[in-house]
Amino acid sequence: MARRLAAAGSPTDRSVAIERSPSPWWQTAVVYQVYLRSFADGNGDGVGDLAGLRSRLPYLAWLGVDALWINPHYPSGGADGGYDIVDYRAVDPEYGDVGDLEDLVADARRLGLRVVLDVVPNHTSDRHRWFQAALADADSPEAARYHFAPPSDEPPNNWQSLFGGPAWSRTPDGRWYLHLFAPEQPDLNWRDPAVAADFEQTLRFWLDRGVSGFRVDVAYGLFKDAGLRDNPGSYSPTLFGHGPEQAMTWNQPEVHDVWRQWRAICDEYPDTMLVGEVCLADLEQVALYSRPDEMHQSFSFRLLKSPWDTAAFADGVQSALDAFGRVGAPVSWVLGNHDKDRQVTRFGGGALGTARARAAALLMLALPGSPYVYAGDELGLPQATVPDEVKRDPIFFRSGGARAGRDGCRVPMPWNDTPGVGFSPEESADPWLPVPSGWDRYAVSRQARDGGSVLTLYRRALALRAAHPALGSGQATVCTQDDVLTVTCVSGAETVRCVLNMGSGTVLVGSPGSVLLASTTRVRQSAGSVALPADSAVWLVES
């Protein structure tokens, strides 16, 4: 028997308002994340590239997103999926050249899409010309741009790499150098002015080519404790990010000056933006990176890292609205990305995980702010099983196989139901990661013809979000009752409620309005109420 819920909302509910118009595009934009190597292969070498992405831009316009963020496209040492960069003002030949990127930006603009690039200021590749010069001469100007310590029997401190093991490795002459990620990714010393000056040139180089902004990798990093003091605890990030046990390696106060300088540069280029990857446990600290004179956005990862639980999701929404509201910034919402297992798998796998991922998508797309959709999540892709012998992720190798790594969320995008799923032209090289057996069942071509597919749900949701001011902006109120989370969004005379049933049974939701969209066809509406099955969500419109 279905449970009946009381009317949602009360005078004690907290709410946060974001004005929809007039407002900059990035405040409510739906941004689509492209993992370039895995999106579309244009030249048949088995690696996704700019030509392939350019050919698929009409799909993104058809889907209804506003912008795309491209993971690193730069020449790289290949140690960490492109995040070990050799040259910040070039394009890796595997992907094309600078002209290809300029053509991509121009085509995207014609389709009403903006392009956001990934920039990686915390570290370079060990093959970067600066680091090579620093290895050759310990007294060179380039050596001052990294963190080196004199030869000794032990590392300078207890800092640990996020990929496993100590954060210090030796150079051939016995010096220690810092790498908070892989040894092939030496950390830059941002206390050297030459580092800041060079990155300002990089920003202008790409902004002059028409890009609309940057996603900033490890934006909470850059500066380290000047005395290289030990961290007060061993490496053990909390569920939501890095906390006080890593006080010497992350979130140093000087880093905010960098974002003020970068904001000033973006202010010279109208309609451009910065969004920061800020993986800190304290969401209030995360929000500080989005103060009016710093970055425009910083990701809220609470929903990405929360279990399927009403209280956890409610707190993830409300705490973000509160924290970012206090600094006057929109929330950038995330349910999936290239560093985390696919949400279908996280939420239980199979039909259960898919149902929950569909429901979570409606929640995220209703919330005020800017949602980021990871390529393939709109297809309901699960985490792929990648054989150990073909894995690429340094996390797998640095952990001695104890951690599976991130390859499973980076496999090629399925475009059609041919054997190669349309990732590459016919008779091409094998893809850089193997396509799982049965991957064609998730293909874009198949789902586009299916009115009940995950892809169709996303497309409908994005179209309705664009048409209804209450979705994506306005005033949001969050409340829970038992296993049901309700977010009420109000703009002018329109009210849309997103009701998410995270319980195990059907509930009856009181509704004076009508169903705008549901995550399942099993939703039933009768006079004054809606029967909402377990693990589903619905948008209810009142006007």
Protein backbone atom coordinates (compact mmCIF):
# COMPACT_ATOMS: atom_id res chain seq x y z
CA MET A 1 0.00 0.00 0.00
CA ALA A 2 1.32 3.44 -0.87
CA ARG A 3 2.15 5.83 1.97
CA ARG A 4 0.55 9.28 1.85
CA LEU A 5 2.79 12.28 2.45
CA ALA A 6 1.83 15.54 4.06
CA ALA A 7 2.18 18.67 1.95
CA ALA A 8 5.79 19.65 1.47
CA GLY A 9 7.26 22.82 2.90
CA SER A 10 6.97 24.69 6.17
CA PRO A 11 7.73 28.18 7.52
CA THR A 12 11.01 26.87 8.92
CA ASP A 13 12.35 25.62 5.59
CA ARG A 14 15.47 27.43 4.42
CA SER A 15 15.71 28.76 0.89
CA VAL A 16 18.27 30.36 -1.39
CA ALA A 17 17.43 32.58 -4.36
CA ILE A 18 19.34 32.95 -7.61
CA GLU A 19 17.93 35.50 -10.04
CA ARG A 20 17.49 34.00 -13.51
CA SER A 21 17.47 37.13 -15.61
CA PRO A 22 19.37 39.16 -16.31
CA SER A 23 22.31 36.91 -15.44
CA PRO A 24 25.55 35.68 -17.01
CA TRP A 25 25.26 32.45 -19.00
CA TRP A 26 27.34 30.41 -16.57
CA GLN A 27 25.01 30.93 -13.61
CA THR A 28 22.46 28.41 -14.92
CA ALA A 29 24.28 26.74 -17.84
CA VAL A 30 24.13 22.99 -18.31
CA VAL A 31 27.75 22.03 -19.01
CA TYR A 32 28.64 18.75 -20.73
CA GLN A 33 32.00 17.24 -19.78
CA VAL A 34 33.92 15.62 -22.64
CA TYR A 35 36.70 13.15 -21.85
CA LEU A 36 38.40 13.79 -25.17
CA ARG A 37 40.21 10.46 -25.63
CA SER A 38 36.95 8.57 -25.22
CA PHE A 39 34.37 10.73 -26.96
CA ALA A 40 34.80 10.35 -30.72
CA ASP A 41 37.75 9.28 -32.90
CA GLY A 42 37.90 11.29 -36.10
CA ASN A 43 41.04 9.88 -37.77
CA GLY A 44 40.79 6.18 -36.96
CA ASP A 45 43.79 5.80 -34.66
CA GLY A 46 41.63 4.57 -31.76
CA VAL A 47 41.96 7.78 -29.75
CA GLY A 48 39.24 10.42 -29.45
CA ASP A 49 40.27 13.76 -30.91
CA LEU A 50 39.12 17.28 -31.75
CA ALA A 51 37.93 16.30 -35.21
CA GLY A 52 35.77 13.58 -33.71
CA LEU A 53 34.36 15.94 -31.12
CA ARG A 54 33.69 18.56 -33.77
CA SER A 55 31.68 16.04 -35.79
CA ARG A 56 29.52 15.30 -32.73
CA LEU A 57 28.74 18.89 -31.79
CA PRO A 58 25.28 18.65 -33.42
CA TYR A 59 24.49 15.86 -30.95
CA LEU A 60 25.26 18.17 -28.03
CA ALA A 61 23.08 20.90 -29.52
CA TRP A 62 20.30 18.33 -30.06
CA LEU A 63 20.67 17.12 -26.47
CA GLY A 64 20.15 20.67 -25.23
CA VAL A 65 23.26 21.54 -23.23
CA ASP A 66 24.69 25.05 -23.14
CA ALA A 67 28.44 24.46 -23.02
CA LEU A 68 31.07 21.76 -23.13
CA TRP A 69 34.12 21.34 -20.91
CA ILE A 70 36.97 19.43 -22.55
CA ASN A 71 39.43 17.46 -20.42
CA PRO A 72 43.10 18.33 -21.14
CA HIS A 73 44.00 18.47 -24.82
CA TYR A 74 47.64 19.54 -24.35
CA PRO A 75 50.84 17.63 -25.20
CA SER A 76 51.36 15.29 -22.28
CA GLY A 77 53.73 12.73 -20.87
CA GLY A 78 50.83 10.29 -20.76
CA ALA A 79 51.22 9.37 -17.09
CA ASP A 80 47.80 10.58 -15.89
CA GLY A 81 45.23 10.85 -18.65
CA GLY A 82 46.54 14.18 -19.93
CA TYR A 83 46.90 15.86 -16.53
CA ASP A 84 50.71 15.78 -16.81
CA ILE A 85 51.23 18.61 -19.26
CA VAL A 86 54.32 19.30 -21.35
CA ASP A 87 53.17 22.45 -23.15
CA TYR A 88 50.18 24.52 -21.99
CA ARG A 89 49.87 26.53 -25.20
CA ALA A 90 49.65 23.71 -27.71
CA VAL A 91 47.50 20.72 -28.68
CA ASP A 92 48.69 17.13 -28.42
CA PRO A 93 49.19 15.83 -32.00
CA GLU A 94 46.99 12.83 -31.08
CA TYR A 95 44.11 15.28 -30.79
CA GLY A 96 44.92 17.69 -33.63
CA ASP A 97 46.41 21.16 -33.53
CA VAL A 98 45.54 24.68 -32.38
CA GLY A 99 43.72 25.33 -35.65
CA ASP A 100 41.47 22.34 -34.97
CA LEU A 101 40.57 23.75 -31.59
CA GLU A 102 39.83 27.16 -33.08
CA ASP A 103 37.56 25.49 -35.65
CA LEU A 104 35.84 23.57 -32.87
CA VAL A 105 35.16 26.78 -30.93
CA ALA A 106 33.78 28.47 -34.05
CA ASP A 107 31.49 25.53 -34.89
CA ALA A 108 30.29 25.34 -31.30
CA ARG A 109 29.42 29.03 -31.31
CA ARG A 110 27.35 28.62 -34.45
CA LEU A 111 25.40 25.91 -32.64
CA GLY A 112 24.90 28.05 -29.55
CA LEU A 113 27.50 26.16 -27.49
CA ARG A 114 30.38 27.56 -25.47
CA VAL A 115 33.71 25.79 -24.97
CA VAL A 116 35.46 25.56 -21.59
CA LEU A 117 39.00 24.19 -21.42
CA ASP A 118 40.73 22.34 -18.61
CA VAL A 119 43.80 24.04 -17.13
CA VAL A 120 46.21 22.34 -14.70
CA PRO A 121 48.19 24.84 -12.61
CA ASN A 122 49.25 22.66 -9.66
CA HIS A 123 51.83 20.56 -11.49
CA THR A 124 53.46 19.93 -14.86
CA SER A 125 54.77 16.84 -16.57
CA ASP A 126 58.28 15.77 -15.64
CA ARG A 127 58.97 16.19 -19.37
CA HIS A 128 58.11 19.91 -19.24
CA ARG A 129 61.04 22.05 -20.32
CA TRP A 130 61.17 23.71 -16.90
CA PHE A 131 61.55 20.46 -15.03
CA GLN A 132 64.09 19.16 -17.50
CA ALA A 133 66.17 22.32 -16.98
CA ALA A 134 65.79 21.94 -13.19
CA LEU A 135 67.09 18.37 -13.38
CA ALA A 136 70.09 19.51 -15.40
CA ASP A 137 71.02 22.39 -13.07
CA ALA A 138 69.97 22.63 -9.42
CA ASP A 139 70.80 26.36 -9.44
CA SER A 140 68.80 27.23 -12.54
CA PRO A 141 65.84 29.65 -12.46
CA GLU A 142 63.62 26.72 -13.45
CA ALA A 143 64.57 24.76 -10.32
CA ALA A 144 63.00 27.52 -8.20
CA ARG A 145 59.69 26.86 -9.96
CA TYR A 146 59.35 23.45 -8.28
CA HIS A 147 59.75 22.09 -4.76
CA PHE A 148 63.20 20.57 -4.34
CA ALA A 149 64.94 19.51 -1.14
CA PRO A 150 68.63 18.60 -0.62
CA PRO A 151 69.78 14.98 -0.69
CA SER A 152 69.13 13.12 2.57
CA ASP A 153 68.23 9.63 3.76
CA GLU A 154 64.57 10.43 4.35
CA PRO A 155 61.96 12.56 2.52
CA PRO A 156 61.62 16.15 3.81
CA ASN A 157 58.27 15.46 5.51
CA ASN A 158 55.38 13.01 5.86
CA TRP A 159 53.32 14.24 2.91
CA GLN A 160 51.63 11.50 0.87
CA SER A 161 50.70 11.26 -2.79
CA LEU A 162 47.00 11.07 -3.57
CA PHE A 163 47.86 8.20 -5.90
CA GLY A 164 49.60 6.20 -3.18
CA GLY A 165 52.99 6.27 -1.45
CA PRO A 166 55.19 9.21 -0.44
CA ALA A 167 54.78 12.56 -2.18
CA TRP A 168 58.56 12.83 -2.62
CA SER A 169 60.82 11.16 -5.18
CA ARG A 170 64.53 11.48 -5.90
CA THR A 171 66.23 13.07 -8.86
CA PRO A 172 69.27 11.33 -10.41
CA ASP A 173 71.59 13.56 -8.35
CA GLY A 174 69.85 12.61 -5.08
CA ARG A 175 67.62 15.63 -4.52
CA TRP A 176 64.03 15.19 -3.44
CA TYR A 177 61.16 16.73 -5.43
CA LEU A 178 57.49 17.05 -4.51
CA HIS A 179 54.63 15.39 -6.42
CA LEU A 180 51.27 15.22 -4.68
CA PHE A 181 50.06 13.03 -7.55
CA ALA A 182 52.24 10.75 -9.72
CA PRO A 183 56.06 11.06 -9.74
CA GLU A 184 55.71 12.19 -13.36
CA GLN A 185 53.72 15.22 -12.11
CA PRO A 186 56.10 17.48 -10.14
CA ASP A 187 54.29 20.20 -8.19
CA LEU A 188 54.94 23.79 -9.16
CA ASN A 189 56.18 26.33 -6.63
CA TRP A 190 53.69 29.18 -6.88
CA ARG A 191 55.82 31.35 -4.61
CA ASP A 192 58.02 31.95 -7.66
CA PRO A 193 56.52 34.87 -9.65
CA ALA A 194 57.59 33.30 -12.94
CA VAL A 195 54.98 30.57 -12.49
CA ALA A 196 52.10 33.03 -12.17
CA ALA A 197 53.36 35.10 -15.10
CA ASP A 198 53.52 32.09 -17.39
CA PHE A 199 50.00 30.91 -16.54
CA GLU A 200 48.63 34.38 -17.22
CA GLN A 201 50.07 34.05 -20.73
CA THR A 202 48.39 30.66 -21.05
CA LEU A 203 44.99 32.03 -20.09
CA ARG A 204 45.25 34.86 -22.58
CA PHE A 205 46.49 32.52 -25.31
CA TRP A 206 43.31 30.45 -25.18
CA LEU A 207 40.91 33.31 -24.40
CA ASP A 208 42.20 35.06 -27.51
CA ARG A 209 41.09 31.99 -29.44
CA GLY A 210 37.51 32.36 -28.30
CA VAL A 211 37.14 29.87 -25.47
CA SER A 212 34.58 30.79 -22.80
CA GLY A 213 36.56 29.88 -19.73
CA PHE A 214 38.43 27.24 -17.80
CA ARG A 215 37.84 24.39 -15.42
CA VAL A 216 40.74 24.69 -12.96
CA ASP A 217 42.26 21.39 -11.84
CA VAL A 218 43.25 21.09 -8.15
CA ALA A 219 42.25 24.69 -7.52
CA TYR A 220 42.65 24.16 -3.77
CA GLY A 221 46.31 23.26 -4.25
CA LEU A 222 49.10 25.39 -5.79
CA PHE A 223 50.54 26.79 -2.54
CA LYS A 224 52.07 24.53 0.11
CA ASP A 225 53.23 25.29 3.60
CA ALA A 226 56.29 27.51 3.20
CA GLY A 227 58.21 25.57 5.85
CA LEU A 228 57.28 22.16 4.41
CA ARG A 229 56.09 21.11 7.88
CA ASP A 230 54.63 17.68 8.50
CA ASN A 231 50.92 17.25 8.08
CA PRO A 232 49.23 16.72 11.46
CA GLY A 233 47.73 13.41 10.30
CA SER A 234 48.29 10.73 7.69
CA TYR A 235 46.58 10.87 4.30
CA SER A 236 42.94 9.96 4.87
CA PRO A 237 40.48 12.23 3.06
CA THR A 238 36.99 12.33 4.47
CA LEU A 239 33.99 11.25 2.44
CA PHE A 240 33.66 14.75 0.99
CA GLY A 241 37.30 15.79 0.58
CA HIS A 242 40.51 16.78 2.24
CA GLY A 243 40.33 18.01 5.82
CA PRO A 244 42.58 19.41 8.55
CA GLU A 245 44.74 16.27 8.59
CA GLN A 246 46.31 17.68 5.39
CA ALA A 247 46.55 21.28 6.54
CA MET A 248 50.06 21.82 5.13
CA THR A 249 49.43 20.62 1.58
CA TRP A 250 46.04 22.07 0.61
CA ASN A 251 43.96 25.22 0.91
CA GLN A 252 46.73 27.64 1.85
CA PRO A 253 45.41 31.22 2.17
CA GLU A 254 47.70 32.56 -0.57
CA VAL A 255 45.89 30.55 -3.23
CA HIS A 256 42.96 32.96 -3.20
CA ASP A 257 45.19 35.73 -4.55
CA VAL A 258 45.79 33.62 -7.66
CA TRP A 259 42.07 33.39 -8.37
CA ARG A 260 41.68 37.13 -7.90
CA GLN A 261 44.36 37.64 -10.54
CA TRP A 262 42.76 35.14 -12.89
CA ARG A 263 39.32 36.67 -12.34
CA ALA A 264 40.72 40.05 -13.36
CA ILE A 265 41.99 38.51 -16.60
CA CYS A 266 38.61 36.91 -17.34
CA ASP A 267 36.94 40.25 -16.65
CA GLU A 268 38.84 41.60 -19.66
CA TYR A 269 37.11 38.97 -21.85
CA PRO A 270 33.32 39.37 -21.64
CA ASP A 271 31.22 36.30 -20.83
CA THR A 272 34.13 34.10 -19.76
CA MET A 273 34.31 32.12 -16.53
CA LEU A 274 36.37 30.00 -14.13
CA VAL A 275 35.11 26.89 -12.34
CA GLY A 276 37.33 25.32 -9.73
CA GLU A 277 37.89 21.73 -8.65
CA VAL A 278 37.99 22.28 -4.88
CA CYS A 279 38.00 18.94 -3.04
CA LEU A 280 37.76 20.11 0.55
CA ALA A 281 35.71 18.50 3.32
CA ASP A 282 34.38 21.85 4.52
CA LEU A 283 31.84 23.13 1.99
CA GLU A 284 32.02 26.59 3.53
CA GLN A 285 35.69 26.66 2.51
CA VAL A 286 34.83 25.41 -0.97
CA ALA A 287 32.37 28.25 -1.43
CA LEU A 288 35.01 30.85 -0.55
CA TYR A 289 36.68 30.10 -3.87
CA SER A 290 33.57 31.52 -5.56
CA ARG A 291 33.51 34.90 -3.85
CA PRO A 292 32.68 37.80 -6.20
CA ASP A 293 36.31 38.65 -6.91
CA GLU A 294 37.53 35.05 -7.30
CA MET A 295 36.34 32.17 -9.48
CA HIS A 296 32.81 32.24 -10.82
CA GLN A 297 32.06 28.71 -9.59
CA SER A 298 33.58 25.89 -7.55
CA PHE A 299 32.19 22.39 -7.76
CA SER A 300 29.94 21.01 -5.05
CA PHE A 301 30.79 17.29 -4.92
CA ARG A 302 28.35 16.34 -2.14
CA LEU A 303 25.85 14.59 -4.41
CA LEU A 304 28.67 12.87 -6.31
CA LYS A 305 29.97 11.37 -3.08
CA SER A 306 26.75 10.75 -1.14
CA PRO A 307 25.16 7.31 -0.79
CA TRP A 308 21.58 6.72 -1.95
CA ASP A 309 20.03 8.12 1.21
CA THR A 310 17.42 10.81 1.76
CA ALA A 311 19.20 12.59 4.60
CA ALA A 312 22.53 12.57 2.74
CA PHE A 313 21.03 13.96 -0.46
CA ALA A 314 19.00 16.57 1.41
CA ASP A 315 22.10 17.72 3.26
CA GLY A 316 24.07 17.72 -0.01
CA VAL A 317 21.55 20.06 -1.58
CA GLN A 318 20.83 22.32 1.39
CA SER A 319 24.42 22.71 2.58
CA ALA A 320 25.49 23.72 -0.92
CA LEU A 321 22.66 26.22 -1.33
CA ASP A 322 23.52 27.71 2.05
CA ALA A 323 27.30 27.86 1.61
CA PHE A 324 27.29 29.30 -1.91
CA GLY A 325 24.35 31.55 -1.13
CA ARG A 326 26.40 33.22 1.59
CA VAL A 327 29.01 34.31 -0.97
CA GLY A 328 26.44 35.17 -3.65
CA ALA A 329 27.50 32.42 -6.06
CA PRO A 330 25.51 29.78 -7.94
CA VAL A 331 26.10 26.14 -7.12
CA SER A 332 27.76 23.94 -9.74
CA TRP A 333 26.21 20.49 -9.25
CA VAL A 334 27.96 17.23 -10.07
CA LEU A 335 26.68 13.64 -10.17
CA GLY A 336 29.45 12.13 -12.27
CA ASN A 337 32.89 12.86 -13.69
CA HIS A 338 36.06 11.22 -15.01
CA ASP A 339 37.41 10.52 -11.51
CA LYS A 340 34.45 8.64 -9.99
CA ASP A 341 32.64 5.38 -10.68
CA ARG A 342 29.59 5.84 -12.91
CA GLN A 343 26.48 6.70 -10.92
CA VAL A 344 24.47 3.73 -12.23
CA THR A 345 27.04 1.46 -10.57
CA ARG A 346 27.39 3.59 -7.44
CA PHE A 347 23.63 3.52 -6.92
CA GLY A 348 23.34 -0.28 -7.03
CA GLY A 349 23.96 -1.34 -10.62
CA GLY A 350 21.61 -2.90 -13.13
CA ALA A 351 17.97 -1.87 -13.23
CA LEU A 352 18.09 -0.55 -9.67
CA GLY A 353 21.10 1.68 -10.31
CA THR A 354 19.63 2.90 -13.58
CA ALA A 355 16.31 3.83 -11.94
CA ARG A 356 18.14 5.73 -9.23
CA ALA A 357 20.41 7.50 -11.71
CA ARG A 358 17.38 8.60 -13.72
CA ALA A 359 15.77 10.00 -10.58
CA ALA A 360 18.96 11.72 -9.46
CA ALA A 361 19.25 13.39 -12.86
CA LEU A 362 15.84 15.02 -12.44
CA LEU A 363 16.88 16.28 -9.02
CA MET A 364 20.13 17.80 -10.28
CA LEU A 365 18.53 19.39 -13.34
CA ALA A 366 15.83 21.03 -11.20
CA LEU A 367 18.22 22.68 -8.76
CA PRO A 368 19.17 26.37 -9.01
CA GLY A 369 22.64 26.77 -10.43
CA SER A 370 24.73 25.06 -13.10
CA PRO A 371 24.67 21.26 -13.51
CA TYR A 372 27.65 19.43 -15.04
CA VAL A 373 26.81 16.27 -17.01
CA TYR A 374 29.62 13.77 -17.65
CA ALA A 375 29.62 12.31 -21.16
CA GLY A 376 27.83 8.98 -21.10
CA ASP A 377 25.79 9.63 -17.99
CA GLU A 378 22.97 10.75 -20.28
CA LEU A 379 23.11 7.21 -21.72
CA GLY A 380 22.96 5.51 -18.34
CA LEU A 381 26.41 3.97 -18.79
CA PRO A 382 27.54 1.74 -15.92
CA GLN A 383 31.11 1.47 -14.68
CA ALA A 384 32.89 -0.74 -17.22
CA THR A 385 35.08 -3.64 -16.22
CA VAL A 386 38.53 -3.03 -17.70
CA PRO A 387 41.01 -5.96 -17.63
CA ASP A 388 44.09 -5.28 -15.52
CA GLU A 389 46.44 -5.87 -18.43
CA VAL A 390 45.07 -2.91 -20.40
CA LYS A 391 44.52 -0.42 -17.59
CA ARG A 392 46.14 2.99 -17.86
CA ASP A 393 45.32 4.76 -14.60
CA PRO A 394 48.34 5.43 -12.32
CA ILE A 395 46.13 4.88 -9.27
CA PHE A 396 45.92 1.19 -10.18
CA PHE A 397 49.67 0.84 -10.54
CA ARG A 398 50.71 3.05 -7.60
CA SER A 399 48.43 1.05 -5.32
CA GLY A 400 49.80 -2.26 -6.50
CA GLY A 401 46.37 -3.16 -7.86
CA ALA A 402 44.60 -2.57 -4.55
CA ARG A 403 42.59 0.28 -6.11
CA ALA A 404 40.82 -0.42 -9.40
CA GLY A 405 41.54 3.03 -10.79
CA ARG A 406 39.39 5.22 -12.99
CA ASP A 407 39.60 3.52 -16.37
CA GLY A 408 36.11 2.05 -15.96
CA CYS A 409 34.43 5.45 -16.32
CA ARG A 410 36.65 6.45 -19.25
CA VAL A 411 35.87 3.81 -21.87
CA PRO A 412 34.77 4.93 -25.36
CA MET A 413 31.38 6.51 -25.95
CA PRO A 414 28.90 4.23 -27.78
CA TRP A 415 27.37 6.04 -30.75
CA ASN A 416 25.68 3.22 -32.67
CA ASP A 417 25.04 -0.51 -32.43
CA THR A 418 27.78 -1.64 -34.81
CA PRO A 419 30.63 -3.81 -33.39
CA GLY A 420 32.84 -0.76 -32.81
CA VAL A 421 29.88 1.28 -31.44
CA GLY A 422 30.72 4.09 -33.87
CA PHE A 423 33.55 5.45 -31.75
CA SER A 424 35.97 5.30 -34.72
CA PRO A 425 35.48 5.16 -38.48
CA GLU A 426 35.11 1.66 -39.90
CA GLU A 427 38.29 -0.43 -40.22
CA SER A 428 40.15 1.71 -37.67
CA ALA A 429 42.70 0.85 -35.01
CA ASP A 430 41.48 -0.70 -31.78
CA PRO A 431 40.25 1.91 -29.28
CA TRP A 432 42.70 3.02 -26.60
CA LEU A 433 40.56 1.25 -23.98
CA PRO A 434 38.55 -1.83 -25.00
CA VAL A 435 34.84 -1.47 -25.69
CA PRO A 436 32.94 -3.76 -23.30
CA SER A 437 30.85 -6.58 -24.72
CA GLY A 438 27.26 -5.45 -25.10
CA TRP A 439 28.15 -1.75 -25.01
CA ASP A 440 26.01 -1.24 -28.11
CA ARG A 441 22.88 -1.56 -25.98
CA TYR A 442 23.63 1.94 -24.65
CA ALA A 443 24.27 3.49 -28.08
CA VAL A 444 23.03 6.99 -28.86
CA SER A 445 21.40 5.80 -32.09
CA ARG A 446 19.41 3.14 -30.26
CA GLN A 447 18.36 5.32 -27.35
CA ALA A 448 17.37 8.24 -29.57
CA ARG A 449 14.65 6.00 -31.04
CA ASP A 450 13.43 4.83 -27.63
CA GLY A 451 10.91 7.09 -25.92
CA GLY A 452 11.68 5.48 -22.55
CA SER A 453 15.48 5.61 -22.70
CA VAL A 454 17.79 7.48 -20.34
CA LEU A 455 18.88 9.68 -23.25
CA THR A 456 15.28 10.63 -24.03
CA LEU A 457 14.72 11.49 -20.36
CA TYR A 458 17.74 13.81 -20.33
CA ARG A 459 16.70 15.49 -23.57
CA ARG A 460 13.17 16.10 -22.33
CA ALA A 461 14.44 17.34 -18.97
CA LEU A 462 16.85 19.80 -20.59
CA ALA A 463 14.15 21.14 -22.90
CA LEU A 464 11.75 21.65 -19.99
CA ARG A 465 14.49 23.21 -17.88
CA ALA A 466 15.06 25.78 -20.61
CA ALA A 467 11.33 26.48 -20.91
CA HIS A 468 10.43 26.79 -17.22
CA PRO A 469 12.12 29.59 -15.22
CA ALA A 470 11.48 27.79 -11.93
CA LEU A 471 13.87 25.02 -13.00
CA GLY A 472 17.54 25.89 -12.66
CA SER A 473 16.94 29.27 -11.02
CA GLY A 474 14.60 31.10 -8.74
CA GLN A 475 14.11 30.19 -5.09
CA ALA A 476 14.65 26.65 -3.82
CA THR A 477 13.26 25.17 -0.61
CA VAL A 478 14.37 21.74 0.62
CA CYS A 479 12.44 19.44 2.92
CA THR A 480 12.24 15.74 3.72
CA GLN A 481 9.58 13.41 5.03
CA ASP A 482 10.53 9.82 5.72
CA ASP A 483 12.34 8.60 2.57
CA VAL A 484 11.11 11.40 0.33
CA LEU A 485 13.12 14.48 -0.61
CA THR A 486 11.25 17.48 -2.04
CA VAL A 487 12.84 20.55 -3.58
CA THR A 488 10.36 23.31 -4.35
CA CYS A 489 11.54 25.81 -6.96
CA VAL A 490 9.71 29.11 -7.40
CA SER A 491 10.13 31.79 -10.04
CA GLY A 492 7.50 34.50 -10.34
CA ALA A 493 4.07 32.88 -10.52
CA GLU A 494 5.45 29.43 -11.37
CA THR A 495 6.27 26.68 -8.89
CA VAL A 496 7.88 23.36 -9.79
CA ARG A 497 8.43 20.67 -7.19
CA CYS A 498 10.97 17.91 -7.69
CA VAL A 499 9.93 14.98 -5.50
CA LEU A 500 12.42 12.14 -5.11
CA ASN A 501 11.34 8.87 -3.49
CA MET A 502 14.46 7.17 -2.12
CA GLY A 503 12.53 4.54 -0.17
CA SER A 504 11.52 0.98 -0.99
CA GLY A 505 7.78 1.50 -1.52
CA THR A 506 5.36 3.68 -3.45
CA VAL A 507 4.29 6.95 -1.81
CA LEU A 508 1.34 9.22 -2.50
CA VAL A 509 2.39 12.82 -3.04
CA GLY A 510 -0.21 15.54 -2.66
CA SER A 511 -0.23 17.76 -5.73
CA PRO A 512 -2.58 20.51 -6.87
CA GLY A 513 -0.62 20.72 -10.13
CA SER A 514 0.27 18.35 -12.95
CA VAL A 515 3.15 16.04 -13.81
CA LEU A 516 5.69 17.86 -15.95
CA LEU A 517 8.15 14.96 -16.21
CA ALA A 518 8.81 11.71 -14.36
CA SER A 519 11.84 9.45 -14.26
CA THR A 520 9.61 6.39 -14.78
CA THR A 521 6.42 5.60 -16.66
CA ARG A 522 5.05 3.95 -13.52
CA VAL A 523 4.09 7.29 -11.96
CA ARG A 524 0.31 7.56 -11.66
CA GLN A 525 -1.64 10.79 -11.13
CA SER A 526 -5.17 11.01 -9.79
CA ALA A 527 -7.25 13.81 -8.30
CA GLY A 528 -5.03 15.70 -5.88
CA SER A 529 -2.18 13.17 -5.64
CA VAL A 530 0.57 11.36 -7.50
CA ALA A 531 1.66 7.75 -6.81
CA LEU A 532 5.46 7.82 -6.92
CA PRO A 533 7.23 4.43 -7.01
CA ALA A 534 10.43 3.65 -5.14
CA ASP A 535 13.68 5.03 -6.59
CA SER A 536 11.95 7.54 -8.85
CA ALA A 537 11.44 11.27 -9.18
CA VAL A 538 8.84 13.59 -10.65
CA TRP A 539 8.55 17.25 -11.55
CA LEU A 540 5.19 18.71 -10.53
CA VAL A 541 4.28 22.12 -11.93
CA GLU A 542 1.92 24.61 -10.37
CA SER A 543 1.21 28.02 -11.84
